[in-house]
Amino acid sequence: MGVVWFLPFFLALIFNRRQAKLIAIACVPAGLSVVAWSALMVWSVTGKAAEKYLPKRVKARLETGG
């Protein structure tokens, strides 16, 4: 059961390393809600995919931090 509870965290380690710590913290209460747990699943697997489709100017802005 613990593996399923923290599945978003394990997927975040693969797909969304930047926010894996936040996702791990959010897994604790989200395991009690199917909606919240599902949202974490989406968040954990879309980390790099979202950045892949951003326009070049937005990517450059994110990389420079401004």
Protein backbone atom coordinates (compact mmCIF):
# COMPACT_ATOMS: atom_id res chain seq x y z
CA MET A 1 0.00 0.00 0.00
CA GLY A 2 2.90 2.36 0.73
CA VAL A 3 4.23 1.94 -2.79
CA VAL A 4 0.90 2.99 -4.28
CA TRP A 5 0.56 5.85 -1.77
CA PHE A 6 3.95 7.27 -2.82
CA LEU A 7 3.75 6.30 -6.50
CA PRO A 8 3.60 9.99 -7.58
CA PHE A 9 6.89 10.57 -5.76
CA PHE A 10 8.60 7.62 -7.45
CA LEU A 11 7.37 8.82 -10.85
CA ALA A 12 8.54 12.34 -10.02
CA LEU A 13 12.05 11.00 -9.48
CA ILE A 14 11.97 9.86 -13.10
CA PHE A 15 10.02 12.64 -14.82
CA ASN A 16 10.02 15.73 -12.60
CA ARG A 17 13.16 15.81 -10.46
CA ARG A 18 12.98 19.53 -9.68
CA GLN A 19 9.78 19.21 -7.71
CA ALA A 20 10.13 15.66 -6.38
CA LYS A 21 10.58 16.86 -2.80
CA LEU A 22 7.36 18.88 -2.91
CA ILE A 23 5.50 15.98 -4.45
CA ALA A 24 6.79 13.63 -1.74
CA ILE A 25 5.50 15.97 0.96
CA ALA A 26 2.15 16.33 -0.79
CA CYS A 27 1.76 12.54 -1.06
CA VAL A 28 1.16 12.19 2.67
CA PRO A 29 -2.24 13.94 2.84
CA ALA A 30 -3.12 13.32 -0.82
CA GLY A 31 -3.29 9.58 -0.28
CA LEU A 32 -6.59 10.12 1.51
CA SER A 33 -8.21 11.75 -1.54
CA VAL A 34 -8.51 10.17 -4.97
CA VAL A 35 -8.77 13.59 -6.61
CA ALA A 36 -5.67 15.00 -4.90
CA TRP A 37 -3.69 11.80 -5.51
CA SER A 38 -4.66 11.88 -9.20
CA ALA A 39 -3.57 15.50 -9.46
CA LEU A 40 -0.20 14.54 -7.96
CA MET A 41 0.13 11.78 -10.55
CA VAL A 42 -0.39 14.30 -13.34
CA TRP A 43 2.03 16.77 -11.74
CA SER A 44 4.69 14.12 -11.27
CA VAL A 45 4.75 12.92 -14.88
CA THR A 46 4.40 16.27 -16.66
CA GLY A 47 7.47 18.05 -15.32
CA LYS A 48 9.77 17.82 -18.32
CA ALA A 49 6.95 17.37 -20.82
CA ALA A 50 5.55 20.80 -20.03
CA GLU A 51 8.95 22.43 -20.52
CA LYS A 52 9.42 20.58 -23.82
CA TYR A 53 6.55 22.43 -25.50
CA LEU A 54 7.23 25.92 -24.20
CA PRO A 55 8.26 28.61 -26.69
CA LYS A 56 12.01 29.27 -26.89
CA ARG A 57 11.76 32.72 -25.30
CA VAL A 58 9.93 31.29 -22.28
CA LYS A 59 12.52 28.51 -21.92
CA ALA A 60 15.34 31.06 -22.01
CA ARG A 61 13.59 33.15 -19.40
CA LEU A 62 13.14 30.13 -17.10
CA GLU A 63 16.78 29.10 -17.45
CA THR A 64 18.07 32.55 -16.54
CA GLY A 65 15.65 32.84 -13.65
CA GLY A 66 14.07 36.06 -14.81
